[in-house]
Amino acid sequence: MAEELYPLDSEKVYYSMDELTLDTEDGPRTLKMGVWINFDPVRIHRMIIREKTLRVDEMEVLNPLVSKLRRADPDYFKRFMGLKLVIDYPGYGTGIVASIPFETDPIGFYKWWRKGKHEDKVYLSLGNQIRLFQKVALMDPKLILKKDLEIIR
């Protein structure tokens, strides 16, 4: 008996018990959405966020998916979160969202991120790197590294 197919319906909002058929290396595969987020969290996340082809319930699917991403693919998770990532930053007892020191203390953030060798902790897009380097170059030109100055020239 052939497996029943449930092609993607871009109008539908998917919940964890809804079935969805996606192409895999082994051919079409039908799984419940709650199983897909365990089976291939990065692909499901890209379909929701980047491609905007998949609509899901935030509480039932998206929130658990984001926590799965952290473990399944930490690098993808960091790139996706960017400055929304919670970090351990000097002067704060508990974790803080990276955008706060990025915005309020660009020099301190630059010292922590670049000179403190924490580039692996927070992913900065090229646009955010340029914003940070420009602020630091204006506020404390002696502090900024040559390679960072070259990026903003």
N, C-alpha and C. Protein backbone atom coordinates (compact mmCIF):
# COMPACT_ATOMS: atom_id res chain seq x y z
N MET A 1 0.85 -1.20 0.00
CA MET A 1 0.00 0.00 0.00
C MET A 1 0.88 1.25 0.00
N ALA A 2 0.61 2.16 -0.89
CA ALA A 2 1.41 3.38 -1.01
C ALA A 2 1.10 4.32 0.15
N GLU A 3 2.14 5.02 0.57
CA GLU A 3 2.00 6.00 1.64
C GLU A 3 1.18 7.19 1.12
N GLU A 4 0.29 7.70 1.96
CA GLU A 4 -0.50 8.85 1.56
C GLU A 4 0.37 10.10 1.60
N LEU A 5 0.24 10.94 0.59
CA LEU A 5 1.08 12.14 0.50
C LEU A 5 0.32 13.37 0.99
N TYR A 6 1.02 14.22 1.71
CA TYR A 6 0.47 15.46 2.22
C TYR A 6 1.38 16.60 1.76
N PRO A 7 1.19 17.07 0.50
CA PRO A 7 2.07 18.13 -0.01
C PRO A 7 1.91 19.42 0.79
N LEU A 8 2.94 20.22 0.76
CA LEU A 8 2.95 21.49 1.48
C LEU A 8 1.81 22.39 1.00
N ASP A 9 1.05 22.90 1.94
CA ASP A 9 -0.03 23.84 1.65
C ASP A 9 0.38 25.17 2.27
N SER A 10 0.77 26.13 1.43
CA SER A 10 1.30 27.40 1.94
C SER A 10 0.24 28.26 2.64
N GLU A 11 -1.04 27.91 2.45
CA GLU A 11 -2.12 28.67 3.12
C GLU A 11 -2.38 28.13 4.53
N LYS A 12 -1.99 26.91 4.78
CA LYS A 12 -2.30 26.23 6.03
C LYS A 12 -1.30 26.60 7.13
N VAL A 13 -1.79 26.69 8.36
CA VAL A 13 -0.91 26.83 9.52
C VAL A 13 -0.76 25.43 10.12
N TYR A 14 0.48 24.96 10.19
CA TYR A 14 0.75 23.60 10.65
C TYR A 14 0.93 23.55 12.16
N TYR A 15 0.34 22.51 12.76
CA TYR A 15 0.51 22.21 14.17
C TYR A 15 1.32 20.93 14.28
N SER A 16 1.77 20.58 15.48
CA SER A 16 2.70 19.46 15.63
C SER A 16 2.13 18.12 15.17
N MET A 17 0.82 17.94 15.19
CA MET A 17 0.24 16.65 14.79
C MET A 17 -0.12 16.60 13.30
N ASP A 18 0.00 17.73 12.58
CA ASP A 18 -0.31 17.75 11.14
C ASP A 18 0.77 17.03 10.35
N GLU A 19 0.33 16.28 9.34
CA GLU A 19 1.27 15.54 8.51
C GLU A 19 1.72 16.38 7.31
N LEU A 20 2.97 16.16 6.91
CA LEU A 20 3.56 16.89 5.80
C LEU A 20 4.50 15.94 5.05
N THR A 21 4.41 15.96 3.73
CA THR A 21 5.30 15.15 2.90
C THR A 21 6.35 16.06 2.27
N LEU A 22 7.62 15.70 2.47
CA LEU A 22 8.72 16.45 1.87
C LEU A 22 9.63 15.47 1.15
N ASP A 23 10.32 15.96 0.12
CA ASP A 23 11.29 15.12 -0.58
C ASP A 23 12.54 14.98 0.28
N THR A 24 13.05 13.75 0.37
CA THR A 24 14.29 13.49 1.08
C THR A 24 15.21 12.73 0.13
N GLU A 25 16.40 12.41 0.58
CA GLU A 25 17.33 11.64 -0.25
C GLU A 25 16.74 10.28 -0.63
N ASP A 26 15.85 9.76 0.23
CA ASP A 26 15.24 8.45 -0.01
C ASP A 26 13.87 8.57 -0.68
N GLY A 27 13.56 9.74 -1.24
CA GLY A 27 12.26 9.94 -1.87
C GLY A 27 11.30 10.65 -0.93
N PRO A 28 10.03 10.81 -1.35
CA PRO A 28 9.06 11.53 -0.52
C PRO A 28 8.88 10.83 0.83
N ARG A 29 8.78 11.65 1.88
CA ARG A 29 8.60 11.10 3.23
C ARG A 29 7.53 11.90 3.94
N THR A 30 6.59 11.20 4.57
CA THR A 30 5.51 11.85 5.30
C THR A 30 5.73 11.66 6.79
N LEU A 31 5.79 12.78 7.50
CA LEU A 31 5.96 12.77 8.95
C LEU A 31 5.04 13.82 9.55
N LYS A 32 4.72 13.65 10.82
CA LYS A 32 4.00 14.70 11.55
C LYS A 32 4.98 15.87 11.75
N MET A 33 4.47 17.09 11.79
CA MET A 33 5.31 18.28 11.94
C MET A 33 6.19 18.15 13.18
N GLY A 34 5.64 17.63 14.26
CA GLY A 34 6.41 17.46 15.50
C GLY A 34 7.60 16.52 15.31
N VAL A 35 7.50 15.58 14.37
CA VAL A 35 8.61 14.67 14.08
C VAL A 35 9.60 15.35 13.12
N TRP A 36 9.08 16.11 12.15
CA TRP A 36 9.97 16.83 11.22
C TRP A 36 10.94 17.74 11.98
N ILE A 37 10.46 18.42 13.03
CA ILE A 37 11.35 19.36 13.73
C ILE A 37 12.49 18.63 14.46
N ASN A 38 12.31 17.34 14.74
CA ASN A 38 13.40 16.54 15.30
C ASN A 38 14.27 15.96 14.19
N PHE A 39 13.63 15.56 13.10
CA PHE A 39 14.31 14.86 12.00
C PHE A 39 15.20 15.81 11.20
N ASP A 40 14.71 17.00 10.87
CA ASP A 40 15.46 17.95 10.04
C ASP A 40 15.14 19.39 10.45
N PRO A 41 15.59 19.78 11.66
CA PRO A 41 15.20 21.11 12.18
C PRO A 41 15.68 22.28 11.32
N VAL A 42 16.88 22.20 10.75
CA VAL A 42 17.41 23.32 9.96
C VAL A 42 16.56 23.52 8.71
N ARG A 43 16.23 22.43 8.03
CA ARG A 43 15.40 22.54 6.82
C ARG A 43 14.04 23.14 7.14
N ILE A 44 13.41 22.66 8.20
CA ILE A 44 12.08 23.18 8.56
C ILE A 44 12.18 24.66 8.92
N HIS A 45 13.23 25.03 9.66
CA HIS A 45 13.41 26.43 10.05
C HIS A 45 13.60 27.32 8.82
N ARG A 46 14.41 26.85 7.87
CA ARG A 46 14.62 27.64 6.64
C ARG A 46 13.32 27.82 5.87
N MET A 47 12.50 26.77 5.84
CA MET A 47 11.22 26.86 5.13
C MET A 47 10.31 27.90 5.78
N ILE A 48 10.41 28.04 7.10
CA ILE A 48 9.56 29.00 7.83
C ILE A 48 10.13 30.41 7.71
N ILE A 49 11.41 30.56 8.03
CA ILE A 49 12.00 31.90 8.17
C ILE A 49 12.51 32.48 6.86
N ARG A 50 13.33 31.74 6.14
CA ARG A 50 13.96 32.29 4.94
C ARG A 50 13.05 32.20 3.72
N GLU A 51 12.55 30.98 3.45
CA GLU A 51 11.75 30.78 2.24
C GLU A 51 10.31 31.23 2.41
N LYS A 52 9.85 31.27 3.66
CA LYS A 52 8.47 31.67 4.00
C LYS A 52 7.44 30.83 3.24
N THR A 53 7.76 29.53 3.06
CA THR A 53 6.83 28.63 2.37
C THR A 53 6.02 27.80 3.36
N LEU A 54 6.44 27.79 4.61
CA LEU A 54 5.78 26.96 5.62
C LEU A 54 5.31 27.84 6.77
N ARG A 55 4.01 27.76 7.08
CA ARG A 55 3.45 28.53 8.20
C ARG A 55 3.14 27.56 9.32
N VAL A 56 3.61 27.88 10.53
CA VAL A 56 3.41 26.99 11.67
C VAL A 56 2.89 27.76 12.87
N ASP A 57 2.31 27.01 13.80
CA ASP A 57 1.88 27.60 15.06
C ASP A 57 3.13 27.93 15.89
N GLU A 58 3.21 29.17 16.38
CA GLU A 58 4.41 29.61 17.09
C GLU A 58 4.66 28.82 18.36
N MET A 59 3.62 28.65 19.18
CA MET A 59 3.79 27.97 20.47
C MET A 59 4.06 26.47 20.30
N GLU A 60 3.35 25.85 19.38
CA GLU A 60 3.40 24.39 19.28
C GLU A 60 4.53 23.88 18.39
N VAL A 61 4.97 24.69 17.42
CA VAL A 61 5.99 24.22 16.49
C VAL A 61 7.25 25.10 16.51
N LEU A 62 7.10 26.41 16.35
CA LEU A 62 8.28 27.27 16.20
C LEU A 62 9.14 27.31 17.47
N ASN A 63 8.53 27.50 18.63
CA ASN A 63 9.33 27.58 19.86
C ASN A 63 10.12 26.30 20.12
N PRO A 64 9.49 25.10 20.03
CA PRO A 64 10.29 23.88 20.21
C PRO A 64 11.36 23.73 19.12
N LEU A 65 11.05 24.16 17.91
CA LEU A 65 12.00 24.07 16.80
C LEU A 65 13.26 24.89 17.10
N VAL A 66 13.09 26.10 17.60
CA VAL A 66 14.24 26.97 17.88
C VAL A 66 15.13 26.33 18.95
N SER A 67 14.53 25.70 19.96
CA SER A 67 15.36 25.06 20.98
C SER A 67 16.06 23.83 20.41
N LYS A 68 15.44 23.14 19.47
CA LYS A 68 16.09 21.99 18.81
C LYS A 68 17.28 22.47 17.97
N LEU A 69 17.12 23.60 17.31
CA LEU A 69 18.19 24.14 16.46
C LEU A 69 19.47 24.39 17.25
N ARG A 70 19.30 24.89 18.46
CA ARG A 70 20.46 25.21 19.30
C ARG A 70 21.36 23.98 19.46
N ARG A 71 20.73 22.82 19.65
CA ARG A 71 21.51 21.58 19.83
C ARG A 71 21.88 20.94 18.50
N ALA A 72 20.98 20.97 17.52
CA ALA A 72 21.20 20.26 16.25
C ALA A 72 22.28 20.92 15.40
N ASP A 73 22.29 22.24 15.37
CA ASP A 73 23.26 22.95 14.52
C ASP A 73 23.60 24.30 15.18
N PRO A 74 24.50 24.29 16.17
CA PRO A 74 24.81 25.52 16.92
C PRO A 74 25.26 26.68 16.03
N ASP A 75 26.00 26.39 14.94
CA ASP A 75 26.47 27.49 14.08
C ASP A 75 25.30 28.13 13.33
N TYR A 76 24.41 27.32 12.80
CA TYR A 76 23.22 27.86 12.13
C TYR A 76 22.41 28.68 13.12
N PHE A 77 22.25 28.15 14.33
CA PHE A 77 21.49 28.85 15.38
C PHE A 77 22.10 30.22 15.67
N LYS A 78 23.43 30.29 15.82
CA LYS A 78 24.09 31.57 16.10
C LYS A 78 23.91 32.56 14.97
N ARG A 79 24.04 32.08 13.72
CA ARG A 79 23.85 32.98 12.57
C ARG A 79 22.42 33.51 12.55
N PHE A 80 21.45 32.62 12.80
CA PHE A 80 20.05 33.03 12.79
C PHE A 80 19.76 34.03 13.92
N MET A 81 20.25 33.77 15.11
CA MET A 81 19.97 34.62 16.26
C MET A 81 20.72 35.95 16.19
N GLY A 82 21.96 35.94 15.72
CA GLY A 82 22.74 37.17 15.62
C GLY A 82 22.79 37.92 16.94
N LEU A 83 22.39 39.18 16.93
CA LEU A 83 22.44 40.02 18.13
C LEU A 83 21.30 39.73 19.11
N LYS A 84 20.39 38.79 18.76
CA LYS A 84 19.32 38.41 19.69
C LYS A 84 19.79 37.31 20.65
N LEU A 85 21.01 36.82 20.42
CA LEU A 85 21.55 35.74 21.24
C LEU A 85 21.86 36.26 22.64
N VAL A 86 21.59 35.45 23.65
CA VAL A 86 21.92 35.80 25.03
C VAL A 86 23.37 35.38 25.28
N ILE A 87 24.16 36.33 25.79
CA ILE A 87 25.59 36.08 26.00
C ILE A 87 25.97 36.39 27.45
N ASP A 88 27.12 35.85 27.86
CA ASP A 88 27.72 36.25 29.13
C ASP A 88 28.64 37.41 28.81
N TYR A 89 28.29 38.57 29.33
CA TYR A 89 29.04 39.79 29.01
C TYR A 89 29.50 40.42 30.32
N PRO A 90 30.75 40.87 30.38
CA PRO A 90 31.27 41.44 31.63
C PRO A 90 30.40 42.58 32.17
N GLY A 91 30.19 42.56 33.47
CA GLY A 91 29.42 43.62 34.11
C GLY A 91 27.96 43.26 34.33
N TYR A 92 27.52 42.13 33.79
CA TYR A 92 26.15 41.69 33.97
C TYR A 92 26.18 40.34 34.69
N GLY A 93 25.40 40.23 35.76
CA GLY A 93 25.41 39.00 36.55
C GLY A 93 24.90 37.79 35.78
N THR A 94 23.87 38.02 34.97
CA THR A 94 23.31 36.92 34.19
C THR A 94 23.47 37.23 32.71
N GLY A 95 23.04 36.32 31.87
CA GLY A 95 23.14 36.55 30.43
C GLY A 95 22.38 37.78 29.99
N ILE A 96 22.85 38.38 28.93
CA ILE A 96 22.21 39.58 28.38
C ILE A 96 22.12 39.42 26.86
N VAL A 97 21.08 40.01 26.27
CA VAL A 97 20.93 39.96 24.82
C VAL A 97 22.07 40.78 24.21
N ALA A 98 22.78 40.20 23.25
CA ALA A 98 23.99 40.80 22.67
C ALA A 98 23.73 42.20 22.10
N SER A 99 22.52 42.48 21.64
CA SER A 99 22.24 43.79 21.04
C SER A 99 22.37 44.93 22.05
N ILE A 100 22.19 44.64 23.34
CA ILE A 100 22.24 45.71 24.36
C ILE A 100 23.65 46.29 24.47
N PRO A 101 24.68 45.48 24.77
CA PRO A 101 26.02 46.10 24.79
C PRO A 101 26.48 46.55 23.40
N PHE A 102 26.02 45.88 22.35
CA PHE A 102 26.37 46.29 20.98
C PHE A 102 25.92 47.73 20.75
N GLU A 103 24.70 48.07 21.20
CA GLU A 103 24.15 49.42 21.00
C GLU A 103 24.65 50.43 22.03
N THR A 104 24.70 50.02 23.32
CA THR A 104 24.96 50.99 24.39
C THR A 104 26.44 51.15 24.72
N ASP A 105 27.26 50.17 24.38
CA ASP A 105 28.68 50.20 24.72
C ASP A 105 29.51 49.64 23.57
N PRO A 106 29.49 50.33 22.40
CA PRO A 106 30.18 49.78 21.24
C PRO A 106 31.67 49.50 21.48
N ILE A 107 32.34 50.37 22.23
CA ILE A 107 33.77 50.15 22.48
C ILE A 107 33.97 48.91 23.35
N GLY A 108 33.20 48.81 24.42
CA GLY A 108 33.29 47.64 25.29
C GLY A 108 32.94 46.36 24.54
N PHE A 109 31.90 46.44 23.70
CA PHE A 109 31.49 45.28 22.93
C PHE A 109 32.58 44.88 21.94
N TYR A 110 33.16 45.88 21.29
CA TYR A 110 34.25 45.61 20.33
C TYR A 110 35.42 44.94 21.03
N LYS A 111 35.83 45.48 22.18
CA LYS A 111 36.94 44.88 22.94
C LYS A 111 36.61 43.43 23.31
N TRP A 112 35.37 43.20 23.77
CA TRP A 112 34.96 41.85 24.17
C TRP A 112 34.90 40.91 22.97
N TRP A 113 34.25 41.40 21.88
CA TRP A 113 33.99 40.54 20.73
C TRP A 113 35.25 40.27 19.91
N ARG A 114 35.94 41.33 19.52
CA ARG A 114 37.09 41.18 18.62
C ARG A 114 38.38 40.92 19.40
N LYS A 115 38.68 41.82 20.33
CA LYS A 115 39.97 41.70 21.03
C LYS A 115 39.93 40.63 22.11
N GLY A 116 38.75 40.36 22.65
CA GLY A 116 38.60 39.32 23.67
C GLY A 116 38.41 37.95 23.05
N LYS A 117 38.46 37.90 21.72
CA LYS A 117 38.36 36.64 20.98
C LYS A 117 37.02 35.91 21.24
N HIS A 118 35.92 36.66 21.18
CA HIS A 118 34.60 36.07 21.36
C HIS A 118 33.78 36.09 20.06
N GLU A 119 34.46 36.15 18.93
CA GLU A 119 33.75 36.16 17.64
C GLU A 119 32.90 34.90 17.47
N ASP A 120 33.32 33.82 18.10
CA ASP A 120 32.57 32.57 17.99
C ASP A 120 31.29 32.57 18.83
N LYS A 121 31.16 33.54 19.75
CA LYS A 121 30.00 33.57 20.64
C LYS A 121 28.80 34.28 20.01
N VAL A 122 29.08 35.31 19.18
CA VAL A 122 28.01 36.10 18.56
C VAL A 122 28.35 36.27 17.09
N TYR A 123 27.38 35.95 16.22
CA TYR A 123 27.56 36.16 14.79
C TYR A 123 27.12 37.58 14.44
N LEU A 124 28.02 38.35 13.85
CA LEU A 124 27.67 39.69 13.37
C LEU A 124 27.66 39.66 11.84
N SER A 125 26.53 40.04 11.27
CA SER A 125 26.46 40.16 9.81
C SER A 125 27.44 41.25 9.38
N LEU A 126 27.77 41.27 8.09
CA LEU A 126 28.69 42.29 7.59
C LEU A 126 28.16 43.69 7.91
N GLY A 127 26.85 43.89 7.76
CA GLY A 127 26.26 45.20 8.07
C GLY A 127 26.47 45.60 9.52
N ASN A 128 26.28 44.66 10.45
CA ASN A 128 26.50 44.96 11.86
C ASN A 128 27.98 45.15 12.18
N GLN A 129 28.85 44.41 11.50
CA GLN A 129 30.29 44.62 11.70
C GLN A 129 30.66 46.04 11.29
N ILE A 130 30.17 46.47 10.13
CA ILE A 130 30.48 47.82 9.64
C ILE A 130 29.96 48.87 10.61
N ARG A 131 28.71 48.70 11.10
CA ARG A 131 28.16 49.66 12.09
C ARG A 131 29.04 49.73 13.33
N LEU A 132 29.45 48.57 13.82
CA LEU A 132 30.29 48.53 15.02
C LEU A 132 31.65 49.18 14.75
N PHE A 133 32.28 48.83 13.65
CA PHE A 133 33.62 49.36 13.34
C PHE A 133 33.56 50.87 13.13
N GLN A 134 32.50 51.36 12.48
CA GLN A 134 32.37 52.82 12.27
C GLN A 134 32.24 53.55 13.60
N LYS A 135 31.41 53.02 14.51
CA LYS A 135 31.23 53.65 15.82
C LYS A 135 32.55 53.68 16.58
N VAL A 136 33.24 52.54 16.60
CA VAL A 136 34.50 52.45 17.34
C VAL A 136 35.55 53.38 16.72
N ALA A 137 35.63 53.43 15.39
CA ALA A 137 36.60 54.29 14.71
C ALA A 137 36.36 55.76 15.05
N LEU A 138 35.09 56.15 15.21
CA LEU A 138 34.77 57.54 15.57
C LEU A 138 35.08 57.81 17.04
N MET A 139 34.75 56.87 17.91
CA MET A 139 34.85 57.09 19.35
C MET A 139 36.27 56.90 19.88
N ASP A 140 37.01 55.94 19.33
CA ASP A 140 38.35 55.63 19.82
C ASP A 140 39.19 55.07 18.67
N PRO A 141 39.66 55.96 17.78
CA PRO A 141 40.35 55.53 16.57
C PRO A 141 41.60 54.66 16.82
N LYS A 142 42.26 54.84 17.96
CA LYS A 142 43.47 54.06 18.25
C LYS A 142 43.13 52.61 18.57
N LEU A 143 41.93 52.36 18.99
CA LEU A 143 41.53 51.02 19.43
C LEU A 143 41.29 50.05 18.26
N ILE A 144 40.77 50.56 17.17
CA ILE A 144 40.31 49.68 16.09
C ILE A 144 41.49 49.03 15.35
N LEU A 145 41.35 47.77 15.04
CA LEU A 145 42.38 47.02 14.34
C LEU A 145 42.43 47.43 12.87
N LYS A 146 43.64 47.34 12.27
CA LYS A 146 43.82 47.72 10.87
C LYS A 146 42.87 46.96 9.95
N LYS A 147 42.73 45.64 10.19
CA LYS A 147 41.88 44.83 9.30
C LYS A 147 40.42 45.29 9.36
N ASP A 148 39.99 45.82 10.51
CA ASP A 148 38.62 46.30 10.64
C ASP A 148 38.46 47.67 9.99
N LEU A 149 39.49 48.50 10.06
CA LEU A 149 39.47 49.80 9.39
C LEU A 149 39.35 49.62 7.88
N GLU A 150 40.04 48.61 7.35
CA GLU A 150 40.02 48.36 5.91
C GLU A 150 38.61 47.99 5.44
N ILE A 151 37.86 47.34 6.29
CA ILE A 151 36.48 46.94 5.92
C ILE A 151 35.59 48.17 5.73
N ILE A 152 35.81 49.21 6.56
CA ILE A 152 34.93 50.39 6.47
C ILE A 152 35.45 51.46 5.52
N ARG A 153 36.60 51.26 4.95
CA ARG A 153 37.12 52.26 4.00
C ARG A 153 36.56 52.06 2.63
